[in-house]
Amino acid sequence: MSTKNEETMLPLGNGVRSGKEYLEGLKDDREVWLQGKRVADVTEHPGLNRSARTLASFMDRQSDPKYRDTVTFEQDGKQIATSFLVPKSKEDIIKRGDAFYEWAKWSNGMFGRTPDYKNASITAFYGGAELLEEGGKQFADNMRNYYHYATTNDKVLTHSLLNPTVNFELSKQGKSDKDVSLKVVKENDAGIFVTGARLLATLGPQADEVEVFPSTLLNRQKGSDLEYAFAFVAPVASPGLKMICRDTYDHAKSHYDAPLSSRYEEMDAVVIFKDVFVPWERVFIYREPDLCNRAFAQNHAVTQMMHQVVCGKLAKAEFIVGLLCAMAKASGKDKDMNIKGQIAEAMFMTETLRSLRFSAEQHAHEDEYGNYIPLRRPLDTSRNLFPKMYPRLIELVQLLGSSSLMATPNEQDLTNEIADDVDKYFQLQNLESKDRIALFRLAHDLSVSGFGGRQTLYERYFFGPPNVMHAIYFDLYNKDDMMDRVNSLLSEA
């Protein structure tokens, strides 16, 4: 095996890309399967193209003077996404938070895997690259080189953390199913070859590259199965790599009829690898199970990613509060004490998230690598609370909307022979029929459509199974000081 990487073949780019450049980058030989057929072009397929174009519009905003100072920073004369900023002060942490929040507002939190999410991961691995030297200096150098490649080329990454579960008992023991789990099948002087499956690549078909890093939740890389212990990034268009998608929730409806799913349908896909070649320069951990299990926590990638997440969930909760208030005002229910109480509950959740973000940023501190990180505990709290909050937020939309969520004619009914009936019978106290239907179609898309159901499921399991996440929180919590107070009181008896 040759791991010499004194020179990288990864070319440097010119900084943030335009939306057009992003879309052109998707026109390659990637193998994406959707609804029984191979997709010829993800930028043209009706189930994928509108979300890709939405993301392209976000890429354009990076160069818009209105947003540029927030979502980018200058490095070596190039504008780089702020999510790639290695924080060296509390002010840098706050700047990153403002950029995460701005990106999230563009989709009202409906895109859970905007590029800044994985950018935070890559940046943390770069900032703590010396940890990777435990496996060999060349792997740390690979990460440093890849960071510069990703930042200057403004790459859009997805990730796939988990092996498929075939035998649940084996999975609980942290063992990989040898028939389906992704593993290294051979290596040579140029790189490694991998075969197997990983899930779940959200935004995968519309991404440039897929990050294949070890899971932090299930600790699957145990024992002597070294062929399962690795971390690498591969282009989505790598020969032998295919993505198998779920059904699309973009049903080619107008923005009026489906205001969310027509814009923000971020596809999920299972990634299949069949003898996929990965050059050594794209490999960051290899045959180091213990390092695989420790990497995300020890280089603080989890903390930096959680920072992006709390900003995104805040934007999403704010949007739902706005929707609830608009629904109540339209019907005149905003004067009802019970309705006020229900909406106030959503406001409580929103302000809790805002406070947790503020606490994490204000208590940012220097880590062992000389970088700054947000305080982890508030972020851990937010990622455990929001999976409980979100279903309740959706329930509040359903309770307030009730039958109005179903009394939602199609946009075409506004101009056909029944238009007069629609105009007369679908109005509300404070809203004309056209605007009332638009508002409640939005609420429908969020709370009862297939798109909305996927959003709720996604939020329940965003960071992993709730019982696992709660157990991790319990283990990390500083319980001793509190128990000491209890014991101190009891000792005085």
Protein backbone atom coordinates (compact mmCIF):
# COMPACT_ATOMS: atom_id res chain seq x y z
CA MET A 1 0.00 0.00 0.00
CA SER A 2 1.30 3.42 -0.96
CA THR A 3 -0.06 6.28 1.12
CA LYS A 4 2.33 8.95 -0.09
CA ASN A 5 0.36 12.14 -0.59
CA GLU A 6 2.90 14.92 -0.75
CA GLU A 7 1.08 16.34 -3.77
CA THR A 8 -2.67 16.23 -4.23
CA MET A 9 -4.54 15.78 -7.47
CA LEU A 10 -7.52 17.66 -6.03
CA PRO A 11 -7.67 21.00 -7.87
CA LEU A 12 -8.40 24.28 -6.16
CA GLY A 13 -11.33 26.37 -7.35
CA ASN A 14 -12.33 30.02 -7.26
CA GLY A 15 -14.60 30.07 -4.23
CA VAL A 16 -18.39 30.19 -4.04
CA ARG A 17 -20.20 29.03 -7.17
CA SER A 18 -23.21 30.40 -8.97
CA GLY A 19 -26.40 28.42 -9.23
CA LYS A 20 -25.71 27.82 -12.90
CA GLU A 21 -22.28 26.38 -12.10
CA TYR A 22 -23.81 24.13 -9.46
CA LEU A 23 -26.44 22.76 -11.86
CA GLU A 24 -23.86 22.23 -14.59
CA GLY A 25 -21.82 20.20 -12.12
CA LEU A 26 -24.74 17.79 -11.69
CA LYS A 27 -24.78 16.95 -15.40
CA ASP A 28 -22.45 13.97 -15.21
CA ASP A 29 -22.60 10.17 -15.36
CA ARG A 30 -24.12 9.67 -11.90
CA GLU A 31 -26.37 6.64 -11.55
CA VAL A 32 -29.61 7.62 -9.85
CA TRP A 33 -32.70 5.40 -9.85
CA LEU A 34 -36.17 6.81 -9.19
CA GLN A 35 -39.56 5.17 -9.67
CA GLY A 36 -38.19 2.19 -11.55
CA LYS A 37 -36.05 4.08 -14.05
CA ARG A 38 -32.54 5.46 -14.24
CA VAL A 39 -32.55 9.24 -14.19
CA ALA A 40 -30.87 10.67 -17.26
CA ASP A 41 -30.38 14.16 -15.80
CA VAL A 42 -31.25 15.13 -12.22
CA THR A 43 -31.52 18.79 -13.27
CA GLU A 44 -34.33 17.91 -15.68
CA HIS A 45 -36.19 15.05 -14.00
CA PRO A 46 -39.60 16.31 -12.76
CA GLY A 47 -39.18 14.62 -9.39
CA LEU A 48 -35.77 16.16 -8.72
CA ASN A 49 -35.22 19.26 -10.79
CA ARG A 50 -37.17 21.85 -8.82
CA SER A 51 -35.38 21.18 -5.54
CA ALA A 52 -32.07 21.34 -7.42
CA ARG A 53 -33.09 24.70 -8.85
CA THR A 54 -34.14 25.89 -5.42
CA LEU A 55 -30.70 25.01 -4.09
CA ALA A 56 -29.14 26.72 -7.11
CA SER A 57 -30.98 29.91 -6.18
CA PHE A 58 -29.47 29.65 -2.71
CA MET A 59 -26.01 29.27 -4.23
CA ASP A 60 -26.61 32.50 -6.15
CA ARG A 61 -27.41 34.33 -2.92
CA GLN A 62 -23.87 33.71 -1.68
CA SER A 63 -22.72 36.36 -4.17
CA ASP A 64 -25.65 38.70 -3.57
CA PRO A 65 -24.46 41.86 -1.73
CA LYS A 66 -27.52 41.52 0.54
CA TYR A 67 -26.25 38.23 1.98
CA ARG A 68 -22.57 37.99 1.02
CA ASP A 69 -21.07 39.42 4.20
CA THR A 70 -23.12 36.98 6.30
CA VAL A 71 -22.80 33.74 4.34
CA THR A 72 -19.25 34.11 3.00
CA PHE A 73 -15.83 35.25 4.15
CA GLU A 74 -12.68 36.13 2.23
CA GLN A 75 -9.75 33.72 2.22
CA ASP A 76 -6.72 34.08 -0.06
CA GLY A 77 -8.64 36.52 -2.21
CA LYS A 78 -11.63 34.19 -2.68
CA GLN A 79 -15.13 34.29 -1.24
CA ILE A 80 -15.66 31.09 0.76
CA ALA A 81 -18.85 29.85 2.43
CA THR A 82 -18.91 30.92 6.09
CA SER A 83 -19.76 27.35 7.09
CA PHE A 84 -16.17 26.52 6.11
CA LEU A 85 -14.74 29.14 8.47
CA VAL A 86 -12.46 27.59 11.10
CA PRO A 87 -13.55 29.52 14.20
CA LYS A 88 -10.74 31.15 16.15
CA SER A 89 -12.90 33.29 18.46
CA LYS A 90 -16.37 33.57 19.93
CA GLU A 91 -17.10 36.15 17.24
CA ASP A 92 -16.34 33.54 14.58
CA ILE A 93 -18.78 31.14 16.24
CA ILE A 94 -21.48 33.82 16.18
CA LYS A 95 -20.70 34.61 12.53
CA ARG A 96 -21.06 30.94 11.63
CA GLY A 97 -24.34 30.79 13.55
CA ASP A 98 -25.67 33.80 11.67
CA ALA A 99 -24.74 32.13 8.38
CA PHE A 100 -26.37 28.83 9.37
CA TYR A 101 -29.51 30.71 10.37
CA GLU A 102 -29.60 32.73 7.15
CA TRP A 103 -29.29 29.60 5.01
CA ALA A 104 -32.07 27.94 7.01
CA LYS A 105 -34.43 30.89 6.59
CA TRP A 106 -34.13 30.59 2.82
CA SER A 107 -35.98 27.25 2.98
CA ASN A 108 -37.84 28.02 6.22
CA GLY A 109 -36.00 25.04 7.71
CA MET A 110 -37.53 22.58 5.22
CA PHE A 111 -34.16 21.65 3.74
CA GLY A 112 -32.57 19.65 6.54
CA ARG A 113 -29.38 18.96 4.63
CA THR A 114 -28.34 22.21 3.04
CA PRO A 115 -24.62 22.23 2.12
CA ASP A 116 -23.62 24.05 5.31
CA TYR A 117 -24.44 20.94 7.37
CA LYS A 118 -21.68 18.79 5.89
CA ASN A 119 -19.45 21.84 5.52
CA ALA A 120 -19.49 22.03 9.32
CA SER A 121 -18.38 18.40 9.48
CA ILE A 122 -15.53 18.78 6.98
CA THR A 123 -14.37 21.95 8.73
CA ALA A 124 -14.27 20.21 12.11
CA PHE A 125 -12.28 17.30 10.70
CA TYR A 126 -9.88 19.80 9.15
CA GLY A 127 -9.58 21.85 12.32
CA GLY A 128 -8.84 18.69 14.32
CA ALA A 129 -6.85 16.94 11.59
CA GLU A 130 -4.02 16.10 13.96
CA LEU A 131 -6.33 13.51 15.53
CA LEU A 132 -6.24 11.64 12.22
CA GLU A 133 -2.46 11.38 12.50
CA GLU A 134 -3.06 8.47 14.87
CA GLY A 135 -3.72 6.44 11.74
CA GLY A 136 -0.84 8.00 9.83
CA LYS A 137 0.23 11.54 8.99
CA GLN A 138 -0.77 11.04 5.38
CA PHE A 139 -4.43 10.73 6.35
CA ALA A 140 -4.36 14.03 8.23
CA ASP A 141 -2.72 15.62 5.19
CA ASN A 142 -5.44 14.12 3.01
CA MET A 143 -8.09 15.82 5.12
CA ARG A 144 -6.28 19.15 4.98
CA ASN A 145 -6.01 18.90 1.20
CA TYR A 146 -9.64 17.86 0.83
CA TYR A 147 -10.82 20.77 2.96
CA HIS A 148 -9.11 23.24 0.61
CA TYR A 149 -10.57 21.42 -2.39
CA ALA A 150 -14.11 21.47 -0.96
CA THR A 151 -13.96 25.09 0.19
CA THR A 152 -12.56 26.59 -2.98
CA ASN A 153 -14.82 24.51 -5.23
CA ASP A 154 -17.91 25.12 -3.05
CA LYS A 155 -18.82 21.44 -3.19
CA VAL A 156 -22.26 20.23 -2.11
CA LEU A 157 -21.90 17.12 0.05
CA THR A 158 -24.30 14.48 1.27
CA HIS A 159 -23.41 11.73 3.72
CA SER A 160 -24.26 8.11 4.45
CA LEU A 161 -23.46 6.95 7.96
CA LEU A 162 -25.23 3.66 8.53
CA ASN A 163 -24.99 0.16 7.15
CA PRO A 164 -28.33 -1.54 6.38
CA THR A 165 -29.78 -3.56 9.24
CA VAL A 166 -30.58 -7.13 8.21
CA ASN A 167 -30.25 -8.82 11.60
CA PHE A 168 -31.39 -6.59 14.44
CA GLU A 169 -29.63 -8.65 17.12
CA LEU A 170 -26.30 -8.35 15.30
CA SER A 171 -26.91 -4.63 14.93
CA LYS A 172 -27.45 -4.21 18.68
CA GLN A 173 -24.11 -5.93 19.28
CA GLY A 174 -22.36 -3.44 17.02
CA LYS A 175 -21.63 -6.06 14.38
CA SER A 176 -21.81 -5.48 10.66
CA ASP A 177 -23.74 -7.81 8.38
CA LYS A 178 -21.02 -9.05 6.08
CA ASP A 179 -23.33 -9.53 3.09
CA VAL A 180 -24.61 -5.97 2.84
CA SER A 181 -22.42 -3.68 4.96
CA LEU A 182 -20.01 -1.40 3.14
CA LYS A 183 -16.48 -2.75 3.35
CA VAL A 184 -13.11 -2.59 1.66
CA VAL A 185 -12.75 -5.52 -0.72
CA LYS A 186 -9.26 -4.75 -2.00
CA GLU A 187 -6.57 -2.11 -2.12
CA ASN A 188 -3.60 -1.21 -4.28
CA ASP A 189 -1.03 1.54 -4.55
CA ALA A 190 -3.63 3.93 -5.96
CA GLY A 191 -6.42 3.47 -3.43
CA ILE A 192 -9.14 1.23 -2.03
CA PHE A 193 -12.17 -0.51 -3.53
CA VAL A 194 -15.41 -0.69 -1.56
CA THR A 195 -18.56 -2.79 -1.94
CA GLY A 196 -21.82 -2.74 0.02
CA ALA A 197 -24.53 -0.27 0.97
CA ARG A 198 -24.94 2.80 3.14
CA LEU A 199 -27.95 4.88 4.11
CA LEU A 200 -29.42 7.38 4.11
CA ALA A 201 -28.10 10.00 1.67
CA THR A 202 -30.43 12.98 1.97
CA LEU A 203 -30.00 15.37 -0.95
CA GLY A 204 -27.84 12.62 -2.48
CA PRO A 205 -28.97 12.87 -6.12
CA GLN A 206 -28.44 16.64 -6.05
CA ALA A 207 -25.04 16.51 -4.30
CA ASP A 208 -21.56 16.60 -5.79
CA GLU A 209 -19.91 14.18 -3.40
CA VAL A 210 -20.86 11.69 -0.69
CA GLU A 211 -19.13 11.68 2.69
CA VAL A 212 -18.79 8.10 3.95
CA PHE A 213 -17.73 8.50 7.57
CA PRO A 214 -18.15 6.18 10.57
CA SER A 215 -21.31 6.33 12.63
CA THR A 216 -21.09 7.98 16.04
CA LEU A 217 -24.24 6.33 17.34
CA LEU A 218 -24.05 2.59 16.91
CA ASN A 219 -20.31 1.97 17.08
CA ARG A 220 -20.50 -0.67 14.41
CA GLN A 221 -16.77 -0.73 13.79
CA LYS A 222 -15.75 -3.19 16.51
CA GLY A 223 -13.54 -6.19 16.90
CA SER A 224 -11.13 -7.32 14.22
CA ASP A 225 -13.28 -6.46 11.19
CA LEU A 226 -10.84 -3.87 9.92
CA GLU A 227 -12.35 -3.82 6.44
CA TYR A 228 -15.32 -1.89 7.87
CA ALA A 229 -13.19 0.82 9.51
CA PHE A 230 -12.69 3.81 7.21
CA ALA A 231 -13.66 7.37 6.37
CA PHE A 232 -13.61 8.76 2.85
CA VAL A 233 -15.37 11.05 0.39
CA ALA A 234 -16.29 9.97 -3.15
CA PRO A 235 -17.86 11.80 -6.09
CA VAL A 236 -21.50 10.86 -6.60
CA ALA A 237 -20.59 10.06 -10.21
CA SER A 238 -17.98 7.46 -9.21
CA PRO A 239 -18.21 4.34 -11.43
CA GLY A 240 -19.99 1.55 -9.55
CA LEU A 241 -21.86 3.93 -7.22
CA LYS A 242 -25.62 4.08 -7.55
CA MET A 243 -28.36 5.81 -5.58
CA ILE A 244 -31.78 4.21 -5.18
CA CYS A 245 -34.38 6.84 -4.28
CA ARG A 246 -37.67 6.71 -2.45
CA ASP A 247 -40.78 8.04 -4.23
CA THR A 248 -40.72 11.74 -4.88
CA TYR A 249 -43.08 14.09 -3.05
CA ASP A 250 -42.81 16.67 -5.81
CA HIS A 251 -45.86 15.84 -7.92
CA ALA A 252 -45.35 18.66 -10.43
CA LYS A 253 -47.97 20.83 -8.76
CA SER A 254 -47.76 24.60 -8.91
CA HIS A 255 -46.19 26.64 -6.14
CA TYR A 256 -49.73 27.73 -5.25
CA ASP A 257 -51.01 24.17 -4.87
CA ALA A 258 -47.90 22.77 -3.17
CA PRO A 259 -45.85 25.68 -1.83
CA LEU A 260 -43.39 23.51 0.09
CA SER A 261 -43.09 20.21 -1.79
CA SER A 262 -42.76 22.02 -5.12
CA ARG A 263 -39.67 23.79 -3.81
CA TYR A 264 -38.05 21.83 -0.98
CA GLU A 265 -38.29 18.14 -1.85
CA GLU A 266 -34.81 16.99 -0.76
CA MET A 267 -34.56 13.42 -1.96
CA ASP A 268 -33.41 10.53 0.24
CA ALA A 269 -31.49 7.63 -1.27
CA VAL A 270 -29.76 4.40 -0.32
CA VAL A 271 -26.23 4.36 -1.71
CA ILE A 272 -24.97 1.15 -3.31
CA PHE A 273 -21.26 0.65 -3.92
CA LYS A 274 -19.96 -2.07 -6.23
CA ASP A 275 -16.18 -2.13 -6.44
CA VAL A 276 -16.10 1.65 -6.19
CA PHE A 277 -12.55 2.96 -6.39
CA VAL A 278 -11.50 5.60 -3.86
CA PRO A 279 -8.04 7.19 -4.34
CA TRP A 280 -5.85 7.33 -1.25
CA GLU A 281 -5.99 11.12 -1.24
CA ARG A 282 -9.71 10.87 -0.48
CA VAL A 283 -9.24 8.47 2.46
CA PHE A 284 -8.98 9.97 5.97
CA ILE A 285 -9.25 6.97 8.31
CA TYR A 286 -8.30 3.42 7.39
CA ARG A 287 -8.31 0.18 9.38
CA GLU A 288 -8.54 2.04 12.69
CA PRO A 289 -11.76 0.93 14.45
CA ASP A 290 -11.05 2.78 17.68
CA LEU A 291 -10.33 6.01 15.83
CA CYS A 292 -13.53 5.57 13.83
CA ASN A 293 -15.49 5.38 17.07
CA ARG A 294 -13.83 8.44 18.59
CA ALA A 295 -13.36 10.78 15.63
CA PHE A 296 -16.67 12.66 15.53
CA ALA A 297 -16.63 13.40 19.25
CA GLN A 298 -12.93 14.14 19.70
CA ASN A 299 -12.57 16.52 16.78
CA HIS A 300 -15.85 18.17 17.83
CA ALA A 301 -17.58 17.55 14.50
CA VAL A 302 -20.73 16.57 16.38
CA THR A 303 -20.74 19.88 18.25
CA GLN A 304 -20.11 21.97 15.13
CA MET A 305 -22.84 20.09 13.22
CA MET A 306 -25.29 20.52 16.11
CA HIS A 307 -24.65 24.26 15.91
CA GLN A 308 -25.89 24.23 12.31
CA VAL A 309 -28.85 22.10 13.33
CA VAL A 310 -30.13 24.30 16.16
CA CYS A 311 -30.04 27.32 13.84
CA GLY A 312 -32.02 25.39 11.24
CA LYS A 313 -34.60 24.14 13.71
CA LEU A 314 -35.05 27.65 15.07
CA ALA A 315 -35.84 28.93 11.58
CA LYS A 316 -38.29 26.08 11.07
CA ALA A 317 -40.07 26.66 14.38
CA GLU A 318 -40.33 30.39 13.65
CA PHE A 319 -41.95 29.63 10.30
CA ILE A 320 -44.53 27.38 11.94
CA VAL A 321 -45.34 30.07 14.52
CA GLY A 322 -45.84 32.48 11.64
CA LEU A 323 -48.12 30.01 9.89
CA LEU A 324 -50.20 29.42 13.03
CA CYS A 325 -50.60 33.16 13.58
CA ALA A 326 -51.62 33.71 9.96
CA MET A 327 -54.19 30.91 10.15
CA ALA A 328 -55.66 32.27 13.38
CA LYS A 329 -55.82 35.83 12.07
CA ALA A 330 -57.50 34.75 8.82
CA SER A 331 -60.32 33.05 10.69
CA GLY A 332 -60.62 35.61 13.47
CA LYS A 333 -59.59 33.01 16.03
CA ASP A 334 -56.62 35.10 17.13
CA LYS A 335 -58.89 36.73 19.72
CA ASP A 336 -59.81 33.39 21.31
CA MET A 337 -57.95 32.67 24.57
CA ASN A 338 -57.67 28.94 23.90
CA ILE A 339 -56.21 29.51 20.44
CA LYS A 340 -53.79 32.06 21.86
CA GLY A 341 -52.71 29.45 24.38
CA GLN A 342 -52.07 26.84 21.70
CA ILE A 343 -50.00 29.21 19.59
CA ALA A 344 -48.15 30.41 22.69
CA GLU A 345 -47.06 26.81 23.20
CA ALA A 346 -45.35 26.94 19.79
CA MET A 347 -43.79 30.25 20.77
CA PHE A 348 -42.39 28.69 23.95
CA MET A 349 -40.68 26.02 21.87
CA THR A 350 -39.27 28.60 19.49
CA GLU A 351 -37.85 30.75 22.25
CA THR A 352 -36.36 27.68 23.93
CA LEU A 353 -34.43 26.94 20.74
CA ARG A 354 -33.35 30.57 20.46
CA SER A 355 -32.09 30.53 24.04
CA LEU A 356 -30.19 27.29 23.54
CA ARG A 357 -28.49 28.68 20.44
CA PHE A 358 -27.62 31.89 22.30
CA SER A 359 -26.22 29.99 25.27
CA ALA A 360 -24.08 27.73 23.09
CA GLU A 361 -22.62 30.67 21.18
CA GLN A 362 -22.07 32.96 24.16
CA HIS A 363 -20.25 30.20 26.05
CA ALA A 364 -18.04 29.24 23.11
CA HIS A 365 -14.56 28.21 24.18
CA GLU A 366 -11.22 27.15 22.79
CA ASP A 367 -10.64 23.44 22.19
CA GLU A 368 -7.46 21.39 22.32
CA TYR A 369 -6.67 22.20 18.69
CA GLY A 370 -6.70 25.96 19.16
CA ASN A 371 -10.12 26.39 17.54
CA TYR A 372 -13.33 27.64 19.10
CA ILE A 373 -16.42 25.49 19.56
CA PRO A 374 -19.90 26.30 20.90
CA LEU A 375 -20.79 24.94 24.32
CA ARG A 376 -22.01 21.42 23.68
CA ARG A 377 -24.65 20.94 26.39
CA PRO A 378 -27.22 23.46 25.05
CA LEU A 379 -26.81 21.98 21.58
CA ASP A 380 -27.21 18.45 22.91
CA THR A 381 -30.33 19.64 24.69
CA SER A 382 -31.78 21.14 21.53
CA ARG A 383 -31.17 18.03 19.44
CA ASN A 384 -32.97 15.92 22.05
CA LEU A 385 -35.87 18.34 22.52
CA PHE A 386 -36.73 19.12 18.91
CA PRO A 387 -37.72 15.55 17.95
CA LYS A 388 -40.37 15.90 20.67
CA MET A 389 -41.26 19.48 19.80
CA TYR A 390 -41.79 19.03 16.09
CA PRO A 391 -44.64 16.48 16.14
CA ARG A 392 -46.42 18.75 18.61
CA LEU A 393 -45.89 21.77 16.35
CA ILE A 394 -47.46 19.83 13.49
CA GLU A 395 -50.30 18.72 15.74
CA LEU A 396 -51.00 22.37 16.56
CA VAL A 397 -51.26 23.13 12.84
CA GLN A 398 -53.67 20.22 12.42
CA LEU A 399 -55.78 21.26 15.41
CA LEU A 400 -56.05 24.85 14.26
CA GLY A 401 -56.61 23.95 10.63
CA SER A 402 -58.98 21.00 11.23
CA SER A 403 -61.39 20.56 8.29
CA SER A 404 -60.00 23.64 6.55
CA LEU A 405 -56.94 21.56 5.71
CA MET A 406 -59.22 19.49 3.49
CA ALA A 407 -61.33 22.35 2.11
CA THR A 408 -58.59 23.26 -0.33
CA PRO A 409 -59.59 23.39 -4.01
CA ASN A 410 -56.97 23.28 -6.75
CA GLU A 411 -55.55 26.44 -8.28
CA GLN A 412 -57.36 25.63 -11.52
CA ASP A 413 -60.67 25.92 -9.69
CA LEU A 414 -60.02 29.64 -9.33
CA THR A 415 -60.39 30.22 -13.07
CA ASN A 416 -62.69 27.48 -14.39
CA GLU A 417 -66.50 27.32 -14.52
CA ILE A 418 -66.81 26.88 -10.73
CA ALA A 419 -64.65 29.91 -9.96
CA ASP A 420 -67.62 31.99 -8.77
CA ASP A 421 -68.62 29.29 -6.29
CA VAL A 422 -65.07 29.01 -5.01
CA ASP A 423 -64.83 32.76 -4.65
CA LYS A 424 -68.07 32.92 -2.67
CA TYR A 425 -67.90 29.86 -0.44
CA PHE A 426 -64.22 29.59 0.46
CA GLN A 427 -63.66 33.04 1.91
CA LEU A 428 -62.88 33.68 5.55
CA GLN A 429 -63.65 36.57 7.85
CA ASN A 430 -60.33 38.28 7.15
CA LEU A 431 -59.20 36.66 3.90
CA GLU A 432 -60.50 36.38 0.37
CA SER A 433 -61.00 32.91 -1.08
CA LYS A 434 -57.86 32.82 -3.21
CA ASP A 435 -55.61 33.84 -0.33
CA ARG A 436 -57.43 31.62 2.16
CA ILE A 437 -57.00 28.56 -0.06
CA ALA A 438 -53.31 29.37 -0.57
CA LEU A 439 -52.76 29.67 3.18
CA PHE A 440 -54.44 26.39 4.02
CA ARG A 441 -52.81 24.55 1.13
CA LEU A 442 -49.52 25.61 2.73
CA ALA A 443 -50.69 24.26 6.08
CA HIS A 444 -51.85 21.08 4.32
CA ASP A 445 -48.48 20.62 2.60
CA LEU A 446 -46.71 20.96 5.93
CA SER A 447 -48.96 18.91 8.18
CA VAL A 448 -50.85 16.19 6.28
CA SER A 449 -49.23 15.67 2.86
CA GLY A 450 -46.64 13.02 2.05
CA PHE A 451 -44.03 15.78 2.12
CA GLY A 452 -45.20 16.80 5.59
CA GLY A 453 -45.20 13.22 6.86
CA ARG A 454 -41.63 12.77 5.71
CA GLN A 455 -40.65 16.00 7.49
CA THR A 456 -42.12 14.72 10.76
CA LEU A 457 -40.43 11.34 10.48
CA TYR A 458 -37.17 13.06 9.58
CA GLU A 459 -37.28 15.28 12.64
CA ARG A 460 -38.01 12.34 14.94
CA TYR A 461 -34.83 10.56 13.82
CA PHE A 462 -32.65 13.44 12.61
CA PHE A 463 -29.68 12.52 14.81
CA GLY A 464 -30.65 8.93 15.60
CA PRO A 465 -33.14 6.87 17.60
CA PRO A 466 -34.47 8.98 20.51
CA ASN A 467 -33.72 6.30 23.13
CA VAL A 468 -30.10 6.15 21.98
CA MET A 469 -29.79 9.93 21.93
CA HIS A 470 -31.30 10.24 25.41
CA ALA A 471 -28.90 7.63 26.77
CA ILE A 472 -25.94 9.49 25.29
CA TYR A 473 -27.17 12.72 26.87
CA PHE A 474 -27.53 10.98 30.24
CA ASP A 475 -24.02 9.55 30.06
CA LEU A 476 -22.44 12.89 29.16
CA TYR A 477 -24.35 14.94 31.71
CA ASN A 478 -22.47 16.18 34.79
CA LYS A 479 -24.54 14.41 37.42
CA ASP A 480 -21.99 14.22 40.23
CA ASP A 481 -22.31 17.81 41.48
CA MET A 482 -26.08 17.47 41.75
CA MET A 483 -25.90 14.12 43.51
CA ASP A 484 -23.31 15.57 45.89
CA ARG A 485 -25.83 18.19 46.98
CA VAL A 486 -28.38 15.47 47.67
CA ASN A 487 -25.87 13.42 49.62
CA SER A 488 -24.68 16.49 51.51
CA LEU A 489 -28.20 17.22 52.69
CA LEU A 490 -28.78 13.62 53.70
CA SER A 491 -25.51 13.54 55.63
CA GLU A 492 -26.76 16.36 57.84
CA ALA A 493 -29.65 14.25 59.13
